[in-house]
């Protein structure tokens, strides 16, 4: 109970100190707010780029064209062989008649030509459309499917898919590095700003030491003050992140430029970003205060 009373008193004193030294506190809060807005933009861009890359990778499909004269029994054998393969997420069988009907529906010209075909005259090939779990192994799966009897040709955009996967992997790695670097820069800027604030109050720290206050009793109020500064400084970035992202998502209908580039749905994504911003503000604020007070106490 005593510890709770001390903690509550320290928290109350921290709030009072923030407003008592408002001009200095405002500098710290402004620094926190500006840098967290930059971090929020970086996080949102990174997650959306990664989301786009994931969607494109999931859309990559292996198309196995079967022999033109394949029988129903042979088709079932091919299906059984595909089932045995590892790294298969799902597959769809499309018969010659299914493909013909789809092409006829897509064009009047195709409809006019294909309507006169008999089943035996149909030159189209039935296919298995296969999606893989691990896109990095798509080439190996394609080669295994190609070796199956009665499979004529296998296509999946070979060459281009590998390049696309390589580019997306690079983008993901660079995006992660950028976010981490921005967070570190944010920590440095906020920490130095808070250090200036603490430095201007070094006389206050000296007086506390002269009256016999222990190092821990001196540090706790300043650390809690850094926590308060971090929370207050994160309010504006959180508001901008939530309302800004929702506005952008609604304005563009959840996509950018094309149907392929899909934005992440606002909920619960924006709330995770908001929590991350508050957490970063709190941790960096506390760390900056602790680092600054520690220097003046010469521990």
C-alpha atoms as a PDB file:
ATOM      1  CA  UNK A   1       0.000   0.000   0.000  1.00  0.00           C
ATOM      2  CA  UNK A   2       2.850   2.372   0.846  1.00  0.00           C
ATOM      3  CA  UNK A   3       4.553   1.629  -2.476  1.00  0.00           C
ATOM      4  CA  UNK A   4       1.271   2.329  -4.292  1.00  0.00           C
ATOM      5  CA  UNK A   5       0.922   5.692  -2.505  1.00  0.00           C
ATOM      6  CA  UNK A   6       4.493   6.637  -3.413  1.00  0.00           C
ATOM      7  CA  UNK A   7       3.946   5.622  -7.041  1.00  0.00           C
ATOM      8  CA  UNK A   8       0.670   7.549  -7.306  1.00  0.00           C
ATOM      9  CA  UNK A   9       2.328  10.615  -5.757  1.00  0.00           C
ATOM     10  CA  UNK A  10       5.211  10.375  -8.211  1.00  0.00           C
ATOM     11  CA  UNK A  11       2.796  10.109 -11.140  1.00  0.00           C
ATOM     12  CA  UNK A  12       0.869  13.129  -9.887  1.00  0.00           C
ATOM     13  CA  UNK A  13       4.097  15.088  -9.434  1.00  0.00           C
ATOM     14  CA  UNK A  14       5.193  14.064 -12.948  1.00  0.00           C
ATOM     15  CA  UNK A  15       2.061  15.574 -14.481  1.00  0.00           C
ATOM     16  CA  UNK A  16       2.549  18.730 -12.415  1.00  0.00           C
ATOM     17  CA  UNK A  17       6.184  18.954 -13.496  1.00  0.00           C
ATOM     18  CA  UNK A  18       5.232  18.635 -17.177  1.00  0.00           C
ATOM     19  CA  UNK A  19       2.890  21.624 -16.945  1.00  0.00           C
ATOM     20  CA  UNK A  20       5.131  23.559 -14.525  1.00  0.00           C
ATOM     21  CA  UNK A  21       7.960  23.403 -17.078  1.00  0.00           C
ATOM     22  CA  UNK A  22       5.586  23.693 -19.994  1.00  0.00           C
ATOM     23  CA  UNK A  23       7.920  25.449 -22.462  1.00  0.00           C
ATOM     24  CA  UNK A  24      10.574  22.750 -22.093  1.00  0.00           C
ATOM     25  CA  UNK A  25       7.977  19.994 -22.026  1.00  0.00           C
ATOM     26  CA  UNK A  26       6.431  21.361 -25.216  1.00  0.00           C
ATOM     27  CA  UNK A  27       9.765  20.994 -27.005  1.00  0.00           C
ATOM     28  CA  UNK A  28       9.978  17.348 -25.978  1.00  0.00           C
ATOM     29  CA  UNK A  29       6.337  16.669 -26.867  1.00  0.00           C
ATOM     30  CA  UNK A  30       6.762  18.333 -30.279  1.00  0.00           C
ATOM     31  CA  UNK A  31       9.854  16.273 -31.018  1.00  0.00           C
ATOM     32  CA  UNK A  32       8.083  13.082 -30.009  1.00  0.00           C
ATOM     33  CA  UNK A  33       5.003  13.932 -32.082  1.00  0.00           C
ATOM     34  CA  UNK A  34       6.924  14.824 -35.264  1.00  0.00           C
ATOM     35  CA  UNK A  35       9.200  11.791 -35.171  1.00  0.00           C
ATOM     36  CA  UNK A  36       6.354   9.409 -34.340  1.00  0.00           C
ATOM     37  CA  UNK A  37       4.366  10.716 -37.328  1.00  0.00           C
ATOM     38  CA  UNK A  38       7.336   9.829 -39.550  1.00  0.00           C
ATOM     39  CA  UNK A  39       7.547   6.391 -37.916  1.00  0.00           C
ATOM     40  CA  UNK A  40       3.785   5.880 -38.426  1.00  0.00           C
ATOM     41  CA  UNK A  41       4.075   6.675 -42.150  1.00  0.00           C
ATOM     42  CA  UNK A  42       7.010   4.275 -42.470  1.00  0.00           C
ATOM     43  CA  UNK A  43       5.152   1.472 -40.660  1.00  0.00           C
ATOM     44  CA  UNK A  44       2.004   1.937 -42.764  1.00  0.00           C
ATOM     45  CA  UNK A  45       3.964   1.970 -46.027  1.00  0.00           C
ATOM     46  CA  UNK A  46       6.010  -1.061 -45.004  1.00  0.00           C
ATOM     47  CA  UNK A  47       3.011  -3.173 -44.047  1.00  0.00           C
ATOM     48  CA  UNK A  48       1.118  -2.228 -47.204  1.00  0.00           C
ATOM     49  CA  UNK A  49       4.097  -3.017 -49.443  1.00  0.00           C
ATOM     50  CA  UNK A  50       4.519  -6.369 -47.701  1.00  0.00           C
ATOM     51  CA  UNK A  51       0.786  -7.009 -48.014  1.00  0.00           C
ATOM     52  CA  UNK A  52       0.907  -6.269 -51.752  1.00  0.00           C
ATOM     53  CA  UNK A  53       3.904  -8.592 -52.171  1.00  0.00           C
ATOM     54  CA  UNK A  54       2.132 -11.376 -50.273  1.00  0.00           C
ATOM     55  CA  UNK A  55      -1.036 -11.027 -52.364  1.00  0.00           C
ATOM     56  CA  UNK A  56       0.929 -11.160 -55.607  1.00  0.00           C
ATOM     57  CA  UNK A  57       2.875 -14.209 -54.439  1.00  0.00           C
ATOM     58  CA  UNK A  58      -0.345 -15.974 -53.446  1.00  0.00           C
ATOM     59  CA  UNK A  59      -1.796 -15.260 -56.891  1.00  0.00           C
ATOM     60  CA  UNK A  60       1.045 -17.004 -58.730  1.00  0.00           C
ATOM     61  CA  UNK A  61      -0.303 -20.240 -60.218  1.00  0.00           C
ATOM     62  CA  UNK A  62       1.254 -23.246 -61.921  1.00  0.00           C
ATOM     63  CA  UNK A  63      -0.767 -24.270 -64.977  1.00  0.00           C
ATOM     64  CA  UNK A  64      -0.282 -27.876 -66.096  1.00  0.00           C
ATOM     65  CA  UNK A  65      -1.632 -28.560 -69.610  1.00  0.00           C
ATOM     66  CA  UNK A  66      -2.667 -32.175 -70.119  1.00  0.00           C
ATOM     67  CA  UNK A  67      -2.432 -34.219 -73.315  1.00  0.00           C
ATOM     68  CA  UNK A  68      -5.166 -33.342 -75.806  1.00  0.00           C
ATOM     69  CA  UNK A  69      -6.388 -36.930 -76.058  1.00  0.00           C
ATOM     70  CA  UNK A  70      -6.138 -37.762 -72.346  1.00  0.00           C
ATOM     71  CA  UNK A  71      -8.837 -40.047 -70.963  1.00  0.00           C
ATOM     72  CA  UNK A  72     -10.866 -39.543 -67.796  1.00  0.00           C
ATOM     73  CA  UNK A  73      -9.023 -42.392 -66.068  1.00  0.00           C
ATOM     74  CA  UNK A  74      -5.637 -40.917 -66.967  1.00  0.00           C
ATOM     75  CA  UNK A  75      -6.783 -37.520 -65.712  1.00  0.00           C
ATOM     76  CA  UNK A  76      -7.591 -39.049 -62.320  1.00  0.00           C
ATOM     77  CA  UNK A  77      -4.101 -40.605 -62.190  1.00  0.00           C
ATOM     78  CA  UNK A  78      -2.551 -37.193 -62.854  1.00  0.00           C
ATOM     79  CA  UNK A  79      -4.680 -35.726 -60.047  1.00  0.00           C
ATOM     80  CA  UNK A  80      -3.536 -38.448 -57.648  1.00  0.00           C
ATOM     81  CA  UNK A  81       0.104 -37.681 -58.463  1.00  0.00           C
ATOM     82  CA  UNK A  82      -0.432 -33.957 -57.828  1.00  0.00           C
ATOM     83  CA  UNK A  83      -2.058 -34.748 -54.473  1.00  0.00           C
ATOM     84  CA  UNK A  84       1.069 -36.613 -53.382  1.00  0.00           C
ATOM     85  CA  UNK A  85       3.313 -33.580 -53.894  1.00  0.00           C
ATOM     86  CA  UNK A  86       4.477 -31.513 -50.930  1.00  0.00           C
ATOM     87  CA  UNK A  87       4.045 -27.716 -50.768  1.00  0.00           C
ATOM     88  CA  UNK A  88       0.667 -27.811 -52.577  1.00  0.00           C
ATOM     89  CA  UNK A  89      -1.901 -25.386 -51.144  1.00  0.00           C
ATOM     90  CA  UNK A  90      -4.755 -26.236 -53.523  1.00  0.00           C
ATOM     91  CA  UNK A  91      -5.492 -27.047 -57.154  1.00  0.00           C
ATOM     92  CA  UNK A  92      -8.368 -26.677 -59.623  1.00  0.00           C
ATOM     93  CA  UNK A  93      -9.126 -28.972 -62.568  1.00  0.00           C
ATOM     94  CA  UNK A  94     -10.555 -27.335 -65.673  1.00  0.00           C
ATOM     95  CA  UNK A  95     -11.814 -29.601 -68.444  1.00  0.00           C
ATOM     96  CA  UNK A  96     -11.727 -28.756 -72.143  1.00  0.00           C
ATOM     97  CA  UNK A  97     -15.450 -27.996 -72.079  1.00  0.00           C
ATOM     98  CA  UNK A  98     -15.027 -25.627 -69.095  1.00  0.00           C
ATOM     99  CA  UNK A  99     -12.302 -23.680 -70.877  1.00  0.00           C
ATOM    100  CA  UNK A 100     -14.309 -23.616 -74.109  1.00  0.00           C
ATOM    101  CA  UNK A 101     -17.418 -22.230 -72.385  1.00  0.00           C
ATOM    102  CA  UNK A 102     -15.391 -19.529 -70.628  1.00  0.00           C
ATOM    103  CA  UNK A 103     -13.759 -18.437 -73.879  1.00  0.00           C
ATOM    104  CA  UNK A 104     -17.109 -18.426 -75.702  1.00  0.00           C
ATOM    105  CA  UNK A 105     -18.612 -16.231 -72.981  1.00  0.00           C
ATOM    106  CA  UNK A 106     -15.688 -13.803 -73.143  1.00  0.00           C
ATOM    107  CA  UNK A 107     -15.944 -13.095 -76.870  1.00  0.00           C
ATOM    108  CA  UNK A 108     -18.590 -13.322 -79.597  1.00  0.00           C
ATOM    109  CA  UNK A 109     -15.863 -14.219 -82.097  1.00  0.00           C
ATOM    110  CA  UNK A 110     -14.740 -17.179 -79.986  1.00  0.00           C
ATOM    111  CA  UNK A 111     -18.375 -18.130 -79.517  1.00  0.00           C
ATOM    112  CA  UNK A 112     -18.989 -18.179 -83.247  1.00  0.00           C
ATOM    113  CA  UNK A 113     -15.927 -20.318 -83.963  1.00  0.00           C
ATOM    114  CA  UNK A 114     -16.141 -22.738 -81.041  1.00  0.00           C
ATOM    115  CA  UNK A 115     -19.861 -23.391 -81.266  1.00  0.00           C
ATOM    116  CA  UNK A 116     -19.199 -25.552 -84.307  1.00  0.00           C
ATOM    117  CA  UNK A 117     -16.608 -27.735 -82.562  1.00  0.00           C
ATOM    118  CA  UNK A 118     -17.444 -31.271 -81.574  1.00  0.00           C
ATOM    119  CA  UNK A 119     -15.839 -32.872 -78.516  1.00  0.00           C
ATOM    120  CA  UNK A 120     -13.361 -34.770 -80.703  1.00  0.00           C
ATOM    121  CA  UNK A 121     -12.471 -31.649 -82.719  1.00  0.00           C
ATOM    122  CA  UNK A 122     -11.773 -29.494 -79.652  1.00  0.00           C
ATOM    123  CA  UNK A 123      -7.996 -28.717 -79.789  1.00  0.00           C
ATOM    124  CA  UNK A 124      -7.878 -27.153 -76.304  1.00  0.00           C
ATOM    125  CA  UNK A 125      -6.128 -28.892 -73.429  1.00  0.00           C
ATOM    126  CA  UNK A 126      -7.575 -29.601 -69.995  1.00  0.00           C
ATOM    127  CA  UNK A 127      -5.532 -28.067 -67.174  1.00  0.00           C
ATOM    128  CA  UNK A 128      -4.704 -28.318 -63.494  1.00  0.00           C
ATOM    129  CA  UNK A 129      -4.154 -24.912 -61.873  1.00  0.00           C
ATOM    130  CA  UNK A 130      -1.935 -25.441 -58.851  1.00  0.00           C
ATOM    131  CA  UNK A 131      -1.109 -22.984 -56.056  1.00  0.00           C
ATOM    132  CA  UNK A 132       1.899 -23.613 -53.823  1.00  0.00           C
ATOM    133  CA  UNK A 133       2.453 -22.821 -50.149  1.00  0.00           C
ATOM    134  CA  UNK A 134       6.079 -21.675 -50.387  1.00  0.00           C
ATOM    135  CA  UNK A 135       6.551 -19.477 -53.462  1.00  0.00           C
ATOM    136  CA  UNK A 136      10.346 -19.903 -53.236  1.00  0.00           C
ATOM    137  CA  UNK A 137       9.954 -23.594 -54.191  1.00  0.00           C
ATOM    138  CA  UNK A 138       7.564 -23.057 -57.102  1.00  0.00           C
ATOM    139  CA  UNK A 139      10.221 -24.054 -59.663  1.00  0.00           C
ATOM    140  CA  UNK A 140      10.811 -27.423 -57.990  1.00  0.00           C
ATOM    141  CA  UNK A 141       7.075 -28.161 -57.847  1.00  0.00           C
ATOM    142  CA  UNK A 142       6.662 -27.178 -61.509  1.00  0.00           C
ATOM    143  CA  UNK A 143       9.425 -29.607 -62.519  1.00  0.00           C
ATOM    144  CA  UNK A 144       7.836 -32.416 -60.479  1.00  0.00           C
ATOM    145  CA  UNK A 145       4.457 -31.812 -62.128  1.00  0.00           C
ATOM    146  CA  UNK A 146       6.110 -31.756 -65.554  1.00  0.00           C
ATOM    147  CA  UNK A 147       7.509 -35.243 -64.926  1.00  0.00           C
ATOM    148  CA  UNK A 148       4.016 -36.675 -64.327  1.00  0.00           C
ATOM    149  CA  UNK A 149       2.784 -38.857 -67.171  1.00  0.00           C
ATOM    150  CA  UNK A 150       0.216 -37.253 -69.537  1.00  0.00           C
ATOM    151  CA  UNK A 151       1.258 -33.732 -68.513  1.00  0.00           C
ATOM    152  CA  UNK A 152       2.198 -31.987 -71.751  1.00  0.00           C
ATOM    153  CA  UNK A 153       3.367 -28.489 -70.732  1.00  0.00           C
ATOM    154  CA  UNK A 154       3.809 -26.656 -67.412  1.00  0.00           C
ATOM    155  CA  UNK A 155       3.767 -22.861 -67.211  1.00  0.00           C
ATOM    156  CA  UNK A 156       4.020 -20.513 -64.229  1.00  0.00           C
ATOM    157  CA  UNK A 157       5.863 -17.492 -65.599  1.00  0.00           C
ATOM    158  CA  UNK A 158       9.228 -19.086 -65.003  1.00  0.00           C
ATOM    159  CA  UNK A 159      12.075 -16.620 -64.805  1.00  0.00           C
ATOM    160  CA  UNK A 160       9.804 -13.663 -64.176  1.00  0.00           C
ATOM    161  CA  UNK A 161       8.328 -15.201 -61.009  1.00  0.00           C
ATOM    162  CA  UNK A 162      11.764 -15.836 -59.519  1.00  0.00           C
ATOM    163  CA  UNK A 163      12.774 -12.247 -60.250  1.00  0.00           C
ATOM    164  CA  UNK A 164       9.525 -10.957 -58.744  1.00  0.00           C
ATOM    165  CA  UNK A 165      10.037 -13.008 -55.570  1.00  0.00           C
ATOM    166  CA  UNK A 166      13.615 -11.741 -55.298  1.00  0.00           C
ATOM    167  CA  UNK A 167      12.475  -8.108 -55.682  1.00  0.00           C
ATOM    168  CA  UNK A 168       9.726  -8.531 -53.074  1.00  0.00           C
ATOM    169  CA  UNK A 169      12.138 -10.143 -50.614  1.00  0.00           C
ATOM    170  CA  UNK A 170      14.507  -7.198 -51.074  1.00  0.00           C
ATOM    171  CA  UNK A 171      11.657  -4.713 -50.565  1.00  0.00           C
ATOM    172  CA  UNK A 172      10.581  -6.471 -47.363  1.00  0.00           C
ATOM    173  CA  UNK A 173      14.133  -6.457 -45.980  1.00  0.00           C
ATOM    174  CA  UNK A 174      14.738  -2.810 -46.897  1.00  0.00           C
ATOM    175  CA  UNK A 175      11.361  -1.785 -45.425  1.00  0.00           C
ATOM    176  CA  UNK A 176      12.164  -3.527 -42.150  1.00  0.00           C
ATOM    177  CA  UNK A 177      15.587  -1.875 -41.981  1.00  0.00           C
ATOM    178  CA  UNK A 178      14.038   1.548 -42.680  1.00  0.00           C
ATOM    179  CA  UNK A 179      11.449   1.149 -39.895  1.00  0.00           C
ATOM    180  CA  UNK A 180      14.060  -0.019 -37.376  1.00  0.00           C
ATOM    181  CA  UNK A 181      16.397   2.811 -38.400  1.00  0.00           C
ATOM    182  CA  UNK A 182      13.617   5.386 -38.012  1.00  0.00           C
ATOM    183  CA  UNK A 183      12.748   4.052 -34.564  1.00  0.00           C
ATOM    184  CA  UNK A 184      16.410   4.304 -33.517  1.00  0.00           C
ATOM    185  CA  UNK A 185      16.648   7.840 -34.902  1.00  0.00           C
ATOM    186  CA  UNK A 186      13.423   8.682 -33.095  1.00  0.00           C
ATOM    187  CA  UNK A 187      14.870   7.325 -29.850  1.00  0.00           C
ATOM    188  CA  UNK A 188      18.030   9.397 -30.341  1.00  0.00           C
ATOM    189  CA  UNK A 189      16.170  12.642 -31.095  1.00  0.00           C
ATOM    190  CA  UNK A 190      13.663  12.279 -28.277  1.00  0.00           C
ATOM    191  CA  UNK A 191      16.351  11.200 -25.839  1.00  0.00           C
ATOM    192  CA  UNK A 192      18.490  14.254 -26.618  1.00  0.00           C
ATOM    193  CA  UNK A 193      15.494  16.592 -26.396  1.00  0.00           C
ATOM    194  CA  UNK A 194      14.596  15.219 -22.972  1.00  0.00           C
ATOM    195  CA  UNK A 195      18.242  15.453 -21.923  1.00  0.00           C
ATOM    196  CA  UNK A 196      18.139  19.184 -22.632  1.00  0.00           C
ATOM    197  CA  UNK A 197      14.998  19.432 -20.520  1.00  0.00           C
ATOM    198  CA  UNK A 198      16.625  17.552 -17.639  1.00  0.00           C
ATOM    199  CA  UNK A 199      19.857  19.564 -17.987  1.00  0.00           C
ATOM    200  CA  UNK A 200      17.931  22.796 -17.448  1.00  0.00           C
ATOM    201  CA  UNK A 201      16.729  21.304 -14.140  1.00  0.00           C
ATOM    202  CA  UNK A 202      20.104  20.062 -12.902  1.00  0.00           C
ATOM    203  CA  UNK A 203      19.924  22.459  -9.932  1.00  0.00           C
ATOM    204  CA  UNK A 204      16.701  20.773  -8.885  1.00  0.00           C
ATOM    205  CA  UNK A 205      18.494  17.403  -8.976  1.00  0.00           C
ATOM    206  CA  UNK A 206      21.400  18.775  -6.948  1.00  0.00           C
ATOM    207  CA  UNK A 207      19.018  20.102  -4.270  1.00  0.00           C
ATOM    208  CA  UNK A 208      17.297  16.701  -4.071  1.00  0.00           C
ATOM    209  CA  UNK A 209      20.673  15.067  -3.526  1.00  0.00           C
ATOM    210  CA  UNK A 210      21.646  17.609  -0.852  1.00  0.00           C
ATOM    211  CA  UNK A 211      18.495  16.908   1.183  1.00  0.00           C
ATOM    212  CA  UNK A 212      19.393  13.202   1.213  1.00  0.00           C
ATOM    213  CA  UNK A 213      17.165  11.787  -1.513  1.00  0.00           C
ATOM    214  CA  UNK A 214      18.429   8.459  -2.837  1.00  0.00           C
ATOM    215  CA  UNK A 215      19.310   8.009  -6.500  1.00  0.00           C
ATOM    216  CA  UNK A 216      16.267   5.838  -7.124  1.00  0.00           C
ATOM    217  CA  UNK A 217      13.956   8.424  -5.542  1.00  0.00           C
ATOM    218  CA  UNK A 218      15.458  11.104  -7.763  1.00  0.00           C
ATOM    219  CA  UNK A 219      15.242   9.026 -10.939  1.00  0.00           C
ATOM    220  CA  UNK A 220      11.686   7.710 -10.608  1.00  0.00           C
ATOM    221  CA  UNK A 221       9.875  11.095 -10.925  1.00  0.00           C
ATOM    222  CA  UNK A 222      11.926  12.018 -13.984  1.00  0.00           C
ATOM    223  CA  UNK A 223      11.421   8.598 -15.593  1.00  0.00           C
ATOM    224  CA  UNK A 224       7.671   8.873 -15.001  1.00  0.00           C
ATOM    225  CA  UNK A 225       7.796  12.381 -16.418  1.00  0.00           C
ATOM    226  CA  UNK A 226       9.410  10.942 -19.547  1.00  0.00           C
ATOM    227  CA  UNK A 227       6.595   8.386 -19.650  1.00  0.00           C
ATOM    228  CA  UNK A 228       4.000  11.169 -19.471  1.00  0.00           C
ATOM    229  CA  UNK A 229       5.791  13.149 -22.198  1.00  0.00           C
ATOM    230  CA  UNK A 230       5.841  10.040 -24.384  1.00  0.00           C
ATOM    231  CA  UNK A 231       2.113   9.424 -23.919  1.00  0.00           C
ATOM    232  CA  UNK A 232       1.156  13.056 -24.578  1.00  0.00           C
ATOM    233  CA  UNK A 233       3.504  13.254 -27.557  1.00  0.00           C
ATOM    234  CA  UNK A 234       1.958  10.152 -29.133  1.00  0.00           C
ATOM    235  CA  UNK A 235      -1.631  11.473 -29.011  1.00  0.00           C
ATOM    236  CA  UNK A 236      -1.392  13.604 -32.176  1.00  0.00           C
ATOM    237  CA  UNK A 237       0.386  10.891 -34.240  1.00  0.00           C
ATOM    238  CA  UNK A 238      -2.246   8.350 -33.164  1.00  0.00           C
ATOM    239  CA  UNK A 239      -5.112  10.664 -34.191  1.00  0.00           C
ATOM    240  CA  UNK A 240      -3.453  11.444 -37.547  1.00  0.00           C
ATOM    241  CA  UNK A 241      -2.737   7.755 -38.151  1.00  0.00           C
ATOM    242  CA  UNK A 242      -6.274   6.550 -37.417  1.00  0.00           C
ATOM    243  CA  UNK A 243      -8.264   9.244 -39.194  1.00  0.00           C
ATOM    244  CA  UNK A 244      -5.699   9.793 -41.952  1.00  0.00           C
ATOM    245  CA  UNK A 245      -5.440   6.146 -42.957  1.00  0.00           C
ATOM    246  CA  UNK A 246      -9.206   5.622 -42.851  1.00  0.00           C
ATOM    247  CA  UNK A 247      -9.690   8.721 -45.036  1.00  0.00           C
ATOM    248  CA  UNK A 248      -7.110   7.514 -47.585  1.00  0.00           C
ATOM    249  CA  UNK A 249      -8.578   4.005 -47.610  1.00  0.00           C
ATOM    250  CA  UNK A 250     -12.120   5.300 -48.203  1.00  0.00           C
ATOM    251  CA  UNK A 251     -11.034   7.861 -50.802  1.00  0.00           C
ATOM    252  CA  UNK A 252      -9.289   5.272 -52.970  1.00  0.00           C
ATOM    253  CA  UNK A 253     -11.746   2.463 -52.270  1.00  0.00           C
ATOM    254  CA  UNK A 254      -9.166   0.242 -50.621  1.00  0.00           C
ATOM    255  CA  UNK A 255      -6.803   0.195 -53.618  1.00  0.00           C
ATOM    256  CA  UNK A 256      -4.152   2.346 -55.275  1.00  0.00           C
ATOM    257  CA  UNK A 257      -4.124   2.915 -59.047  1.00  0.00           C
ATOM    258  CA  UNK A 258      -5.168  -0.658 -59.834  1.00  0.00           C
ATOM    259  CA  UNK A 259      -7.090  -3.597 -58.362  1.00  0.00           C
ATOM    260  CA  UNK A 260      -3.781  -5.405 -57.834  1.00  0.00           C
ATOM    261  CA  UNK A 261      -2.482  -2.926 -55.223  1.00  0.00           C
ATOM    262  CA  UNK A 262      -4.855  -3.557 -52.324  1.00  0.00           C
ATOM    263  CA  UNK A 263      -4.536  -1.540 -49.113  1.00  0.00           C
ATOM    264  CA  UNK A 264      -4.767  -3.264 -45.752  1.00  0.00           C
ATOM    265  CA  UNK A 265      -8.221  -2.850 -44.212  1.00  0.00           C
ATOM    266  CA  UNK A 266      -8.157  -0.131 -41.509  1.00  0.00           C
ATOM    267  CA  UNK A 267      -9.466  -2.326 -38.707  1.00  0.00           C
ATOM    268  CA  UNK A 268      -7.730  -3.703 -36.738  1.00  0.00           C
ATOM    269  CA  UNK A 269      -4.545  -2.607 -38.542  1.00  0.00           C
ATOM    270  CA  UNK A 270      -4.669   1.066 -37.487  1.00  0.00           C
ATOM    271  CA  UNK A 271      -5.193   0.104 -33.845  1.00  0.00           C
ATOM    272  CA  UNK A 272      -2.048  -2.047 -33.885  1.00  0.00           C
ATOM    273  CA  UNK A 273      -0.108   0.875 -35.375  1.00  0.00           C
ATOM    274  CA  UNK A 274      -1.586   3.240 -32.763  1.00  0.00           C
ATOM    275  CA  UNK A 275      -0.584   0.910 -29.912  1.00  0.00           C
ATOM    276  CA  UNK A 276       2.914   0.628 -31.388  1.00  0.00           C
ATOM    277  CA  UNK A 277       3.246   4.422 -31.532  1.00  0.00           C
ATOM    278  CA  UNK A 278       2.140   4.869 -27.912  1.00  0.00           C
ATOM    279  CA  UNK A 279       4.504   2.085 -26.813  1.00  0.00           C
ATOM    280  CA  UNK A 280       7.433   3.646 -28.699  1.00  0.00           C
ATOM    281  CA  UNK A 281       6.663   7.069 -27.211  1.00  0.00           C
ATOM    282  CA  UNK A 282       6.458   5.681 -23.677  1.00  0.00           C
ATOM    283  CA  UNK A 283       9.593   3.556 -23.897  1.00  0.00           C
ATOM    284  CA  UNK A 284      11.702   6.229 -25.585  1.00  0.00           C
ATOM    285  CA  UNK A 285      10.433   8.916 -23.195  1.00  0.00           C
ATOM    286  CA  UNK A 286      11.332   6.814 -20.158  1.00  0.00           C
ATOM    287  CA  UNK A 287      14.687   5.826 -21.654  1.00  0.00           C
ATOM    288  CA  UNK A 288      15.566   9.437 -22.490  1.00  0.00           C
ATOM    289  CA  UNK A 289      14.760  10.621 -18.974  1.00  0.00           C
ATOM    290  CA  UNK A 290      16.613   7.743 -17.341  1.00  0.00           C
ATOM    291  CA  UNK A 291      19.685   8.358 -19.511  1.00  0.00           C
ATOM    292  CA  UNK A 292      19.688  12.087 -18.785  1.00  0.00           C
ATOM    293  CA  UNK A 293      19.203  11.769 -15.007  1.00  0.00           C
ATOM    294  CA  UNK A 294      21.792   9.007 -14.806  1.00  0.00           C
ATOM    295  CA  UNK A 295      24.379  11.347 -16.318  1.00  0.00           C
ATOM    296  CA  UNK A 296      23.692  14.091 -13.798  1.00  0.00           C
ATOM    297  CA  UNK A 297      23.766  11.665 -10.896  1.00  0.00           C
ATOM    298  CA  UNK A 298      27.102  10.296 -12.188  1.00  0.00           C
ATOM    299  CA  UNK A 299      26.127   6.721 -11.424  1.00  0.00           C
END
